[in-house]
């Protein structure tokens, strides 16, 4: 049995629990993930299965990947990921793994890529308060002094500075699965999940 799957973040909505309690949920399209390759301890040095997610036109896949998919007897996919398993022989090439591996009430961790915000200043990137707004101030949104006087006479490593914000791997832990809809390949988890609409996410059982 696999302990994680891959999918897409579709967006957020509200979900009504028993008693009319409204909670914010994120809708995740999970799978179906198709087994493309089996990796064994004897050949690759570890036990895992390679799965494909999100079908893709053959014309948009390069020749090496086309051969890889045709050898498995499956269609072409946009994403190829690996899942560690105890016994790869329990799976067959072309087998679909769907969202029904998750159950209502389970707790999962979701890994995604946060939205990229581009080059940002210290106030937006790190939450600096900035300088005075009036009385002749010319330092409204700058970081201020970044040095240490004469000793050590340099900017220390790790100093919070302007730069690129976001577009990093983020893990949100202990999200509750409030609903599973296998016929739609969709699960609903309570809370927010990193990423933009239709971005790739990894859902792991705790």
N, C-alpha and C. Protein backbone atom coordinates (compact mmCIF):
# COMPACT_ATOMS: atom_id res chain seq x y z
N UNK A 1 0.85 -1.19 0.00
CA UNK A 1 0.00 0.00 0.00
C UNK A 1 0.88 1.25 0.00
N UNK A 2 0.49 2.23 -0.79
CA UNK A 2 1.26 3.47 -0.87
C UNK A 2 0.81 4.42 0.24
N UNK A 3 1.74 5.27 0.68
CA UNK A 3 1.43 6.20 1.76
C UNK A 3 1.36 7.64 1.29
N UNK A 4 1.44 7.85 -0.03
CA UNK A 4 1.29 9.21 -0.54
C UNK A 4 0.87 9.16 -2.00
N UNK A 5 0.32 10.26 -2.48
CA UNK A 5 -0.07 10.40 -3.87
C UNK A 5 0.16 11.84 -4.31
N UNK A 6 0.04 12.06 -5.61
CA UNK A 6 0.26 13.39 -6.17
C UNK A 6 -1.02 13.89 -6.81
N UNK A 7 -1.16 15.19 -6.85
CA UNK A 7 -2.37 15.76 -7.41
C UNK A 7 -2.21 17.24 -7.71
N UNK A 8 -3.34 17.90 -7.88
CA UNK A 8 -3.38 19.33 -8.19
C UNK A 8 -4.20 20.06 -7.15
N UNK A 9 -3.79 21.29 -6.88
CA UNK A 9 -4.57 22.17 -5.99
C UNK A 9 -5.58 22.91 -6.85
N UNK A 10 -6.86 22.62 -6.65
CA UNK A 10 -7.90 23.23 -7.47
C UNK A 10 -8.35 24.58 -6.93
N UNK A 11 -8.33 24.75 -5.61
CA UNK A 11 -8.77 26.01 -5.04
C UNK A 11 -9.34 25.80 -3.65
N UNK A 12 -9.93 26.87 -3.09
CA UNK A 12 -10.49 26.80 -1.74
C UNK A 12 -11.99 27.10 -1.78
N UNK A 13 -12.69 26.56 -0.80
CA UNK A 13 -14.11 26.80 -0.64
C UNK A 13 -14.45 26.59 0.83
N UNK A 14 -15.75 26.55 1.15
CA UNK A 14 -16.17 26.28 2.52
C UNK A 14 -16.91 24.94 2.55
N UNK A 15 -16.85 24.30 3.69
CA UNK A 15 -17.50 23.00 3.87
C UNK A 15 -18.26 23.04 5.19
N UNK A 16 -19.50 22.56 5.14
CA UNK A 16 -20.36 22.61 6.32
C UNK A 16 -20.33 21.27 7.04
N UNK A 17 -19.90 21.30 8.29
CA UNK A 17 -19.89 20.10 9.11
C UNK A 17 -21.26 19.89 9.75
N UNK A 18 -21.38 18.82 10.50
CA UNK A 18 -22.63 18.58 11.21
C UNK A 18 -22.88 19.69 12.22
N UNK A 19 -24.10 20.16 12.25
CA UNK A 19 -24.43 21.28 13.12
C UNK A 19 -24.33 22.62 12.42
N UNK A 20 -24.01 22.59 11.11
CA UNK A 20 -23.94 23.83 10.35
C UNK A 20 -22.68 24.63 10.54
N UNK A 21 -21.62 23.99 11.07
CA UNK A 21 -20.34 24.70 11.26
C UNK A 21 -19.62 24.79 9.93
N UNK A 22 -19.26 26.00 9.53
CA UNK A 22 -18.56 26.24 8.27
C UNK A 22 -17.05 26.29 8.51
N UNK A 23 -16.30 25.49 7.73
CA UNK A 23 -14.84 25.47 7.85
C UNK A 23 -14.23 25.70 6.47
N UNK A 24 -13.08 26.38 6.41
CA UNK A 24 -12.40 26.56 5.12
C UNK A 24 -11.67 25.29 4.71
N UNK A 25 -11.82 24.90 3.45
CA UNK A 25 -11.18 23.68 2.96
C UNK A 25 -10.51 23.97 1.62
N UNK A 26 -9.49 23.17 1.33
CA UNK A 26 -8.82 23.20 0.03
C UNK A 26 -9.21 21.96 -0.75
N UNK A 27 -9.59 22.16 -2.01
CA UNK A 27 -9.99 21.06 -2.88
C UNK A 27 -8.77 20.57 -3.65
N UNK A 28 -8.46 19.29 -3.50
CA UNK A 28 -7.29 18.69 -4.15
C UNK A 28 -7.75 17.59 -5.09
N UNK A 29 -7.34 17.68 -6.34
CA UNK A 29 -7.58 16.59 -7.29
C UNK A 29 -6.43 15.59 -7.15
N UNK A 30 -6.72 14.42 -6.63
CA UNK A 30 -5.68 13.43 -6.32
C UNK A 30 -5.75 12.31 -7.34
N UNK A 31 -4.65 12.15 -8.10
CA UNK A 31 -4.60 11.06 -9.07
C UNK A 31 -5.61 11.27 -10.20
N UNK A 32 -5.94 10.17 -10.91
CA UNK A 32 -5.31 8.85 -10.72
C UNK A 32 -3.85 8.84 -11.17
N UNK A 33 -3.00 8.26 -10.33
CA UNK A 33 -1.59 8.10 -10.65
C UNK A 33 -1.37 6.71 -11.24
N UNK A 34 -0.72 6.65 -12.39
CA UNK A 34 -0.53 5.41 -13.13
C UNK A 34 0.89 4.90 -12.93
N UNK A 35 1.03 3.62 -12.61
CA UNK A 35 2.35 3.01 -12.40
C UNK A 35 3.05 2.90 -13.75
N UNK A 36 4.21 3.54 -13.87
CA UNK A 36 4.98 3.55 -15.11
C UNK A 36 6.19 2.63 -15.02
N UNK A 37 6.77 2.49 -13.83
CA UNK A 37 7.99 1.68 -13.67
C UNK A 37 8.06 1.14 -12.25
N UNK A 38 8.62 -0.06 -12.12
CA UNK A 38 8.87 -0.65 -10.81
C UNK A 38 10.37 -0.72 -10.58
N UNK A 39 10.82 -0.21 -9.45
CA UNK A 39 12.24 -0.20 -9.12
C UNK A 39 12.48 -1.13 -7.93
N UNK A 40 13.46 -2.04 -8.08
CA UNK A 40 13.68 -3.07 -7.07
C UNK A 40 15.03 -2.87 -6.39
N UNK A 41 15.15 -3.51 -5.24
CA UNK A 41 16.38 -3.41 -4.47
C UNK A 41 17.55 -4.04 -5.21
N UNK A 42 17.31 -5.10 -5.97
CA UNK A 42 18.38 -5.79 -6.67
C UNK A 42 18.94 -4.97 -7.83
N UNK A 43 18.08 -4.23 -8.51
CA UNK A 43 18.52 -3.51 -9.71
C UNK A 43 18.88 -2.05 -9.42
N UNK A 44 17.97 -1.33 -8.78
CA UNK A 44 18.19 0.10 -8.53
C UNK A 44 18.74 0.40 -7.14
N UNK A 45 18.68 -0.58 -6.23
CA UNK A 45 19.20 -0.36 -4.89
C UNK A 45 18.15 0.06 -3.88
N UNK A 46 16.89 0.19 -4.30
CA UNK A 46 15.81 0.54 -3.39
C UNK A 46 14.50 0.10 -4.03
N UNK A 47 13.48 -0.06 -3.19
CA UNK A 47 12.17 -0.47 -3.66
C UNK A 47 11.27 0.75 -3.82
N UNK A 48 10.74 0.93 -5.02
CA UNK A 48 9.86 2.07 -5.28
C UNK A 48 9.08 1.82 -6.56
N UNK A 49 8.06 2.61 -6.75
CA UNK A 49 7.33 2.62 -8.02
C UNK A 49 7.36 4.04 -8.56
N UNK A 50 7.44 4.13 -9.87
CA UNK A 50 7.38 5.43 -10.53
C UNK A 50 5.98 5.61 -11.10
N UNK A 51 5.36 6.73 -10.78
CA UNK A 51 3.99 6.97 -11.22
C UNK A 51 3.95 8.23 -12.08
N UNK A 52 2.99 8.23 -13.00
CA UNK A 52 2.76 9.38 -13.85
C UNK A 52 1.43 10.03 -13.50
N UNK A 53 1.41 11.34 -13.57
CA UNK A 53 0.20 12.09 -13.24
C UNK A 53 -0.02 13.18 -14.27
N UNK A 54 -1.26 13.44 -14.60
CA UNK A 54 -1.71 14.45 -15.54
C UNK A 54 -1.34 14.07 -16.98
N UNK A 55 -2.26 13.45 -17.72
CA UNK A 55 -1.98 13.00 -19.10
C UNK A 55 -1.52 14.14 -19.99
N UNK A 56 -0.65 13.77 -20.92
CA UNK A 56 -0.06 14.74 -21.83
C UNK A 56 -0.08 14.19 -23.25
N UNK A 57 -0.18 15.08 -24.24
CA UNK A 57 -0.13 14.64 -25.64
C UNK A 57 1.26 14.10 -25.97
N UNK A 58 1.29 13.06 -26.79
CA UNK A 58 2.58 12.45 -27.14
C UNK A 58 3.48 13.43 -27.88
N UNK A 59 2.90 14.33 -28.66
CA UNK A 59 3.70 15.28 -29.42
C UNK A 59 4.44 16.27 -28.52
N UNK A 60 3.99 16.42 -27.28
CA UNK A 60 4.61 17.37 -26.37
C UNK A 60 5.62 16.70 -25.43
N UNK A 61 5.93 15.43 -25.69
CA UNK A 61 6.89 14.68 -24.87
C UNK A 61 8.08 14.33 -25.74
N UNK A 62 9.29 14.46 -25.18
CA UNK A 62 10.48 14.19 -25.98
C UNK A 62 10.63 12.69 -26.26
N UNK A 63 11.53 12.36 -27.19
CA UNK A 63 11.67 10.98 -27.66
C UNK A 63 12.07 10.00 -26.56
N UNK A 64 13.04 10.32 -25.70
CA UNK A 64 13.38 9.36 -24.63
C UNK A 64 12.19 9.03 -23.73
N UNK A 65 11.40 10.05 -23.36
CA UNK A 65 10.25 9.79 -22.51
C UNK A 65 9.16 9.03 -23.26
N UNK A 66 9.02 9.27 -24.56
CA UNK A 66 8.06 8.51 -25.34
C UNK A 66 8.40 7.02 -25.31
N UNK A 67 9.70 6.71 -25.44
CA UNK A 67 10.12 5.31 -25.35
C UNK A 67 9.89 4.74 -23.97
N UNK A 68 10.12 5.55 -22.94
CA UNK A 68 9.92 5.10 -21.57
C UNK A 68 8.45 4.76 -21.32
N UNK A 69 7.55 5.61 -21.80
CA UNK A 69 6.12 5.36 -21.62
C UNK A 69 5.64 4.18 -22.45
N UNK A 70 6.14 4.07 -23.69
CA UNK A 70 5.68 2.97 -24.55
C UNK A 70 6.16 1.63 -24.01
N UNK A 71 7.34 1.59 -23.38
CA UNK A 71 7.84 0.34 -22.80
C UNK A 71 6.94 -0.13 -21.66
N UNK A 72 6.34 0.82 -20.97
CA UNK A 72 5.43 0.46 -19.88
C UNK A 72 4.03 0.17 -20.39
N UNK A 73 3.77 0.52 -21.65
CA UNK A 73 2.44 0.28 -22.21
C UNK A 73 1.39 1.23 -21.69
N UNK A 74 1.81 2.46 -21.36
CA UNK A 74 0.87 3.46 -20.86
C UNK A 74 0.99 4.71 -21.71
N UNK A 75 0.06 5.65 -21.50
CA UNK A 75 0.12 6.92 -22.21
C UNK A 75 1.19 7.83 -21.65
N UNK A 76 1.29 9.03 -22.20
CA UNK A 76 2.29 10.00 -21.76
C UNK A 76 1.71 10.88 -20.65
N UNK A 77 2.60 11.29 -19.75
CA UNK A 77 2.18 12.09 -18.60
C UNK A 77 3.14 13.26 -18.40
N UNK A 78 2.58 14.32 -17.81
CA UNK A 78 3.38 15.53 -17.58
C UNK A 78 4.36 15.34 -16.43
N UNK A 79 3.91 14.72 -15.34
CA UNK A 79 4.72 14.59 -14.14
C UNK A 79 5.08 13.12 -13.90
N UNK A 80 6.33 12.88 -13.54
CA UNK A 80 6.81 11.56 -13.15
C UNK A 80 7.40 11.67 -11.75
N UNK A 81 6.87 10.89 -10.82
CA UNK A 81 7.33 10.93 -9.44
C UNK A 81 7.50 9.51 -8.93
N UNK A 82 8.29 9.37 -7.85
CA UNK A 82 8.53 8.06 -7.25
C UNK A 82 7.89 7.98 -5.87
N UNK A 83 7.44 6.78 -5.54
CA UNK A 83 6.86 6.50 -4.23
C UNK A 83 7.56 5.27 -3.67
N UNK A 84 8.16 5.40 -2.49
CA UNK A 84 8.82 4.26 -1.85
C UNK A 84 7.76 3.27 -1.36
N UNK A 85 7.98 1.99 -1.67
CA UNK A 85 7.06 0.93 -1.24
C UNK A 85 7.88 -0.23 -0.69
N UNK A 86 7.21 -1.11 0.05
CA UNK A 86 7.90 -2.28 0.61
C UNK A 86 8.11 -3.35 -0.44
N UNK A 87 7.12 -3.59 -1.29
CA UNK A 87 7.21 -4.66 -2.29
C UNK A 87 6.67 -4.14 -3.63
N UNK A 88 7.53 -3.79 -4.58
CA UNK A 88 7.05 -3.29 -5.88
C UNK A 88 6.26 -4.33 -6.67
N UNK A 89 6.48 -5.62 -6.37
CA UNK A 89 5.80 -6.67 -7.13
C UNK A 89 4.30 -6.69 -6.85
N UNK A 90 3.85 -5.98 -5.83
CA UNK A 90 2.41 -5.91 -5.57
C UNK A 90 1.68 -5.04 -6.59
N UNK A 91 2.43 -4.30 -7.39
CA UNK A 91 1.84 -3.38 -8.35
C UNK A 91 2.09 -3.87 -9.78
N UNK A 92 1.22 -3.49 -10.69
CA UNK A 92 1.34 -3.83 -12.09
C UNK A 92 1.52 -2.56 -12.91
N UNK A 93 2.27 -2.67 -14.02
CA UNK A 93 2.44 -1.52 -14.91
C UNK A 93 1.09 -1.14 -15.49
N UNK A 94 0.79 0.15 -15.45
CA UNK A 94 -0.50 0.62 -15.92
C UNK A 94 -1.58 0.66 -14.86
N UNK A 95 -1.28 0.18 -13.66
CA UNK A 95 -2.26 0.18 -12.58
C UNK A 95 -2.53 1.61 -12.12
N UNK A 96 -3.78 1.92 -11.89
CA UNK A 96 -4.17 3.25 -11.42
C UNK A 96 -4.32 3.25 -9.90
N UNK A 97 -3.72 4.24 -9.27
CA UNK A 97 -3.86 4.44 -7.82
C UNK A 97 -4.66 5.72 -7.64
N UNK A 98 -5.81 5.60 -6.97
CA UNK A 98 -6.74 6.71 -6.91
C UNK A 98 -6.86 7.29 -5.51
N UNK A 99 -7.75 8.25 -5.39
CA UNK A 99 -7.90 9.00 -4.14
C UNK A 99 -8.54 8.18 -3.04
N UNK A 100 -9.06 6.98 -3.36
CA UNK A 100 -9.73 6.20 -2.33
C UNK A 100 -8.77 5.59 -1.31
N UNK A 101 -7.45 5.81 -1.47
CA UNK A 101 -6.51 5.35 -0.44
C UNK A 101 -6.60 6.23 0.81
N UNK A 102 -7.23 7.41 0.66
CA UNK A 102 -7.41 8.31 1.80
C UNK A 102 -8.83 8.13 2.35
N UNK A 103 -8.97 8.35 3.64
CA UNK A 103 -10.27 8.22 4.29
C UNK A 103 -10.63 9.46 5.06
N UNK A 104 -11.92 9.66 5.26
CA UNK A 104 -12.40 10.82 6.03
C UNK A 104 -11.91 10.70 7.48
N UNK A 105 -11.37 11.77 8.00
CA UNK A 105 -10.85 11.78 9.36
C UNK A 105 -9.36 11.53 9.44
N UNK A 106 -8.71 11.14 8.32
CA UNK A 106 -7.27 10.94 8.34
C UNK A 106 -6.54 12.28 8.38
N UNK A 107 -5.31 12.24 8.84
CA UNK A 107 -4.46 13.43 8.90
C UNK A 107 -3.34 13.28 7.87
N UNK A 108 -3.12 14.32 7.07
CA UNK A 108 -2.14 14.26 6.00
C UNK A 108 -1.23 15.48 6.06
N UNK A 109 -0.05 15.33 5.45
CA UNK A 109 0.85 16.45 5.19
C UNK A 109 0.81 16.75 3.71
N UNK A 110 0.78 18.02 3.36
CA UNK A 110 0.72 18.42 1.95
C UNK A 110 1.95 19.26 1.62
N UNK A 111 2.64 18.86 0.57
CA UNK A 111 3.85 19.55 0.12
C UNK A 111 3.55 20.22 -1.22
N UNK A 112 3.85 21.49 -1.31
CA UNK A 112 3.63 22.23 -2.55
C UNK A 112 4.66 23.34 -2.71
N UNK A 113 4.57 24.05 -3.82
CA UNK A 113 5.46 25.18 -4.10
C UNK A 113 4.67 26.47 -3.93
N UNK A 114 5.16 27.33 -3.05
CA UNK A 114 4.45 28.57 -2.76
C UNK A 114 4.46 29.50 -3.97
N UNK A 115 3.51 30.42 -3.98
CA UNK A 115 3.43 31.39 -5.07
C UNK A 115 4.67 32.28 -5.08
N UNK A 116 5.20 32.54 -6.27
CA UNK A 116 6.33 33.43 -6.41
C UNK A 116 5.88 34.89 -6.39
N UNK A 117 6.53 35.71 -5.57
CA UNK A 117 6.17 37.12 -5.46
C UNK A 117 7.19 38.03 -6.13
N UNK A 118 8.22 37.45 -6.75
CA UNK A 118 9.21 38.27 -7.41
C UNK A 118 10.17 38.94 -6.43
N UNK A 119 10.87 39.95 -6.92
CA UNK A 119 11.83 40.69 -6.09
C UNK A 119 11.06 41.60 -5.14
N UNK A 120 11.25 41.39 -3.84
CA UNK A 120 10.49 42.13 -2.83
C UNK A 120 11.43 42.79 -1.84
N UNK A 121 10.95 43.90 -1.28
CA UNK A 121 11.73 44.60 -0.27
C UNK A 121 11.59 43.95 1.10
N UNK A 122 12.29 44.52 2.08
CA UNK A 122 12.32 43.90 3.40
C UNK A 122 10.98 43.99 4.13
N UNK A 123 10.18 45.00 3.83
CA UNK A 123 8.89 45.12 4.51
C UNK A 123 7.94 44.01 4.07
N UNK A 124 7.91 43.73 2.77
CA UNK A 124 7.04 42.68 2.27
C UNK A 124 7.63 41.29 2.51
N UNK A 125 8.94 41.19 2.37
CA UNK A 125 9.58 39.86 2.46
C UNK A 125 9.74 39.39 3.90
N UNK A 126 10.10 40.28 4.79
CA UNK A 126 10.40 39.90 6.17
C UNK A 126 9.52 40.57 7.22
N UNK A 127 8.66 41.48 6.80
CA UNK A 127 7.78 42.12 7.76
C UNK A 127 8.42 43.24 8.55
N UNK A 128 9.44 43.89 8.01
CA UNK A 128 10.04 45.03 8.69
C UNK A 128 9.01 46.15 8.84
N UNK A 129 9.16 46.96 9.89
CA UNK A 129 8.20 48.03 10.14
C UNK A 129 8.49 49.26 9.28
N UNK A 130 9.71 49.41 8.77
CA UNK A 130 10.05 50.57 7.96
C UNK A 130 10.38 51.79 8.81
N UNK A 131 10.65 52.90 8.15
CA UNK A 131 11.02 54.12 8.85
C UNK A 131 9.82 55.02 9.11
N UNK A 132 10.10 56.20 9.58
CA UNK A 132 9.04 57.16 9.89
C UNK A 132 8.39 57.62 8.59
N UNK A 133 7.12 57.97 8.69
CA UNK A 133 6.36 58.36 7.50
C UNK A 133 6.36 59.88 7.28
N UNK A 134 6.76 60.67 8.30
CA UNK A 134 6.64 62.12 8.20
C UNK A 134 7.90 62.80 8.74
N UNK A 135 7.80 64.10 8.90
CA UNK A 135 8.85 64.93 9.51
C UNK A 135 10.19 64.80 8.80
N UNK A 136 10.14 64.86 7.47
CA UNK A 136 11.37 64.91 6.69
C UNK A 136 12.07 63.58 6.52
N UNK A 137 11.44 62.48 6.91
CA UNK A 137 12.08 61.17 6.76
C UNK A 137 12.22 60.81 5.29
N UNK A 138 13.39 60.26 4.94
CA UNK A 138 13.63 59.78 3.59
C UNK A 138 13.87 58.26 3.58
N UNK A 139 13.52 57.61 4.66
CA UNK A 139 13.74 56.16 4.75
C UNK A 139 12.43 55.48 5.13
N UNK A 140 11.48 55.50 4.19
CA UNK A 140 10.15 54.96 4.49
C UNK A 140 10.13 53.43 4.46
N UNK A 141 10.76 52.82 3.46
CA UNK A 141 10.65 51.37 3.29
C UNK A 141 12.01 50.69 3.15
N UNK A 142 13.07 51.36 3.54
CA UNK A 142 14.40 50.76 3.42
C UNK A 142 14.76 50.01 4.70
N UNK A 143 15.72 49.09 4.65
CA UNK A 143 16.05 48.28 5.84
C UNK A 143 16.78 49.04 6.92
N UNK A 144 17.37 50.18 6.60
CA UNK A 144 18.17 50.90 7.59
C UNK A 144 19.59 50.37 7.62
N UNK A 145 20.28 50.52 8.74
CA UNK A 145 21.67 50.09 8.84
C UNK A 145 21.77 48.56 8.79
N UNK A 146 22.71 48.06 8.00
CA UNK A 146 22.91 46.60 7.91
C UNK A 146 24.30 46.21 8.40
N UNK A 147 25.12 47.18 8.84
CA UNK A 147 26.48 46.88 9.26
C UNK A 147 26.61 46.75 10.77
N UNK A 148 27.85 46.59 11.20
CA UNK A 148 28.15 46.39 12.62
C UNK A 148 29.26 47.34 13.08
N UNK A 149 29.20 48.59 12.64
CA UNK A 149 30.23 49.56 12.99
C UNK A 149 31.59 49.08 12.46
N UNK A 150 32.67 49.33 13.21
CA UNK A 150 34.02 49.00 12.71
C UNK A 150 34.36 47.52 12.87
N UNK A 151 33.72 46.88 13.83
CA UNK A 151 34.01 45.47 14.07
C UNK A 151 32.73 44.67 13.99
N UNK A 152 32.59 43.68 13.11
CA UNK A 152 33.61 43.14 12.21
C UNK A 152 33.75 43.89 10.90
N UNK A 153 33.03 44.99 10.71
CA UNK A 153 33.23 45.78 9.51
C UNK A 153 32.72 45.12 8.23
N UNK A 154 31.69 44.32 8.35
CA UNK A 154 31.12 43.66 7.17
C UNK A 154 29.67 43.29 7.48
N UNK A 155 28.96 42.87 6.45
CA UNK A 155 27.59 42.41 6.62
C UNK A 155 27.62 40.93 6.96
N UNK A 156 27.00 40.55 8.06
CA UNK A 156 27.02 39.16 8.50
C UNK A 156 26.17 38.28 7.59
N UNK A 157 26.57 37.02 7.47
CA UNK A 157 25.80 36.07 6.68
C UNK A 157 24.43 35.86 7.31
N UNK A 158 23.42 35.70 6.45
CA UNK A 158 22.06 35.48 6.93
C UNK A 158 21.28 36.74 7.22
N UNK A 159 21.87 37.91 6.96
CA UNK A 159 21.16 39.17 7.19
C UNK A 159 19.92 39.24 6.29
N UNK A 160 18.79 39.61 6.88
CA UNK A 160 17.57 39.71 6.11
C UNK A 160 17.62 40.93 5.20
N UNK A 161 17.56 40.66 3.89
CA UNK A 161 17.74 41.69 2.88
C UNK A 161 16.64 41.57 1.83
N UNK A 162 16.51 42.57 0.93
CA UNK A 162 15.58 42.40 -0.19
C UNK A 162 16.01 41.25 -1.08
N UNK A 163 15.06 40.66 -1.79
CA UNK A 163 15.38 39.56 -2.70
C UNK A 163 14.12 38.87 -3.17
N UNK A 164 14.33 37.72 -3.80
CA UNK A 164 13.19 36.97 -4.33
C UNK A 164 12.37 36.36 -3.20
N UNK A 165 11.06 36.52 -3.30
CA UNK A 165 10.15 36.03 -2.27
C UNK A 165 9.26 34.95 -2.86
N UNK A 166 9.09 33.88 -2.11
CA UNK A 166 8.20 32.80 -2.54
C UNK A 166 8.86 31.83 -3.51
N UNK A 167 8.02 31.01 -4.17
CA UNK A 167 8.43 29.97 -5.10
C UNK A 167 9.43 29.02 -4.43
N UNK A 168 9.05 28.55 -3.24
CA UNK A 168 9.85 27.60 -2.48
C UNK A 168 8.97 26.44 -2.04
N UNK A 169 9.60 25.30 -1.79
CA UNK A 169 8.85 24.15 -1.32
C UNK A 169 8.39 24.38 0.11
N UNK A 170 7.10 24.20 0.33
CA UNK A 170 6.50 24.43 1.64
C UNK A 170 5.71 23.18 2.03
N UNK A 171 5.85 22.76 3.28
CA UNK A 171 5.10 21.62 3.80
C UNK A 171 4.14 22.10 4.88
N UNK A 172 2.87 21.81 4.69
CA UNK A 172 1.85 22.11 5.69
C UNK A 172 1.46 20.78 6.34
N UNK A 173 1.64 20.69 7.66
CA UNK A 173 1.46 19.42 8.36
C UNK A 173 0.10 19.33 9.05
N UNK A 174 -0.32 18.08 9.22
CA UNK A 174 -1.48 17.75 10.05
C UNK A 174 -2.76 18.42 9.57
N UNK A 175 -3.07 18.24 8.27
CA UNK A 175 -4.33 18.73 7.74
C UNK A 175 -5.36 17.60 7.79
N UNK A 176 -6.55 17.91 8.23
CA UNK A 176 -7.60 16.91 8.40
C UNK A 176 -8.36 16.72 7.09
N UNK A 177 -8.53 15.47 6.67
CA UNK A 177 -9.34 15.15 5.49
C UNK A 177 -10.81 15.15 5.93
N UNK A 178 -11.58 16.10 5.42
CA UNK A 178 -12.97 16.23 5.84
C UNK A 178 -13.93 15.54 4.87
N UNK A 179 -13.49 15.29 3.63
CA UNK A 179 -14.38 14.61 2.67
C UNK A 179 -13.53 13.98 1.57
N UNK A 180 -13.99 12.82 1.08
CA UNK A 180 -13.34 12.12 -0.02
C UNK A 180 -14.41 11.78 -1.04
N UNK A 181 -14.17 12.13 -2.30
CA UNK A 181 -15.12 11.85 -3.38
C UNK A 181 -14.39 11.09 -4.49
N UNK A 182 -14.32 9.74 -4.37
CA UNK A 182 -13.55 8.94 -5.33
C UNK A 182 -14.06 9.06 -6.76
N UNK A 183 -15.37 9.25 -6.94
CA UNK A 183 -15.91 9.34 -8.30
C UNK A 183 -15.42 10.58 -9.03
N UNK A 184 -14.98 11.59 -8.27
CA UNK A 184 -14.45 12.82 -8.85
C UNK A 184 -12.94 12.92 -8.69
N UNK A 185 -12.32 11.91 -8.05
CA UNK A 185 -10.88 11.94 -7.75
C UNK A 185 -10.51 13.20 -6.98
N UNK A 186 -11.31 13.53 -5.97
CA UNK A 186 -11.15 14.77 -5.22
C UNK A 186 -11.20 14.47 -3.74
N UNK A 187 -10.32 15.13 -2.97
CA UNK A 187 -10.42 15.12 -1.52
C UNK A 187 -10.43 16.56 -1.02
N UNK A 188 -11.04 16.78 0.13
CA UNK A 188 -11.11 18.10 0.74
C UNK A 188 -10.37 18.06 2.07
N UNK A 189 -9.39 18.94 2.23
CA UNK A 189 -8.63 19.01 3.48
C UNK A 189 -8.90 20.35 4.15
N UNK A 190 -8.96 20.31 5.47
CA UNK A 190 -9.27 21.53 6.22
C UNK A 190 -8.03 22.42 6.29
N UNK A 191 -8.18 23.67 5.87
CA UNK A 191 -7.07 24.62 5.93
C UNK A 191 -6.52 24.93 4.55
N UNK A 192 -5.44 25.71 4.54
CA UNK A 192 -4.83 26.19 3.30
C UNK A 192 -3.66 25.30 2.89
N UNK A 193 -3.42 25.28 1.59
CA UNK A 193 -2.35 24.48 1.00
C UNK A 193 -1.51 25.41 0.13
N UNK A 194 -0.18 25.31 0.17
CA UNK A 194 0.65 26.21 -0.63
C UNK A 194 0.49 25.97 -2.12
N UNK A 195 0.68 27.02 -2.90
CA UNK A 195 0.65 26.89 -4.35
C UNK A 195 -0.48 27.67 -4.98
N UNK A 196 -0.41 27.79 -6.29
CA UNK A 196 -1.44 28.46 -7.06
C UNK A 196 -2.42 27.43 -7.60
N UNK A 197 -3.43 27.89 -8.29
CA UNK A 197 -4.43 26.98 -8.85
C UNK A 197 -3.79 26.06 -9.90
N UNK A 198 -4.10 24.78 -9.82
CA UNK A 198 -3.60 23.73 -10.71
C UNK A 198 -2.11 23.42 -10.52
N UNK A 199 -1.53 23.87 -9.40
CA UNK A 199 -0.12 23.55 -9.14
C UNK A 199 -0.01 22.15 -8.56
N UNK A 200 1.14 21.53 -8.73
CA UNK A 200 1.38 20.14 -8.28
C UNK A 200 1.56 20.11 -6.77
N UNK A 201 0.89 19.15 -6.12
CA UNK A 201 1.05 18.97 -4.69
C UNK A 201 1.27 17.48 -4.39
N UNK A 202 1.89 17.23 -3.25
CA UNK A 202 2.15 15.87 -2.79
C UNK A 202 1.42 15.67 -1.46
N UNK A 203 0.54 14.67 -1.42
CA UNK A 203 -0.26 14.42 -0.23
C UNK A 203 0.27 13.16 0.45
N UNK A 204 0.73 13.30 1.69
CA UNK A 204 1.38 12.19 2.41
C UNK A 204 0.56 11.85 3.65
N UNK A 205 0.37 10.56 3.89
CA UNK A 205 -0.29 10.13 5.10
C UNK A 205 0.67 10.30 6.29
N UNK A 206 0.13 10.66 7.42
CA UNK A 206 0.96 10.84 8.63
C UNK A 206 1.09 9.51 9.34
